[in-house]
């Protein structure tokens, strides 16, 4: 079986993800729905052979997968596209999920990313976080901001990713892209090294542990613009997650530090649309004096009121954006309630 034929069949149907799981046909996620690409059930030896071919294409050894049971990397196939592979061992055999990544930079207008999000490219320093669940489009939104910086400003952009998804060409900026485990040991070590590489902008793929978050906070304080992501939903939950990573005796100091460096928190969800696809809903928090005070005084629970009242500044709450999508006929009432932060209030407002 030729893996390129499977990839082509999935791409022809505009798939976002491809699933190679033993005992199941090859499946693809198309507009948020999992569908079989063919009827033939995949056997463990077939999947292992497919993986060997993919590793050969990527010029990568299988040692990490065979020794640890997990591996994650990106590769390109000429004439087809770029893919992110997560291979793993399950029930004694191997499986994989591939994410389809476009060669071209994503178009924020076509993806319905609000202008106030891409306008964050003009920030010269501070911390910008894009948050949401896995598969909600965080990497795409970050890529749009980085691409805007690359085309509108001059400087050195350093991206630290696991793995690299979008490939940025050099436009007005010089772009250095480093893949964790392949080009450097870890996010934290790469971030420390980046501070000696004269960066203007750093893209940190994910703030996933205490050491990385601590190093990121230090990096931002040196005057860089740092963009990153977290698996949280909403500004309040994001701030709580970051503060809670630190020991209790340091948390008040970290609140003060964080209030001074945070510039924006963007949260997003992908919601099934009425036309059979998906549409994004955003919460946009842009830091102002009231937000800074709430972070310092540990009154995060009041932040939703400030976001709701800050529409004139470009802010919007998640539920307000979901309500907009419902009123525009882009999502159903059921999905509006299902994805709302406050379902009861959403029902009343509808």
Foldseek 3Di string as FASTA:
>chain_A
DAVVVVLQLQVVLVFFKWKFDAQAAIWTQHLNDIDHSDHDGDHQVNVVVNVVVVCVQQVHDCVCCVPPFWDWEKGADPPRAIKIKIWGDDPRGIIIMIGGAHQDQDDCVVQVNDPVLLVCLPDQAFEEEEEAAPPFCSVNSVSSNVQSNQAPHEWEEEEEEQADGYDDDRHNYHYHYHYDPPRHPDLLVVLVVVLVVRGREYEYAACDADSNLVSVLVSRVVRHYYYYYYHDADPLRVLCVSLVRDPPVCSLVVLLSNLVRHAKYKYWGWFQWPVRHTHIFIFIDGRDPVNSVCSNVVVSVCVVVVLCVCVVVVGDGRLRRLLVCVVVRTHDLVRSLVPDPHNVVSVVVD
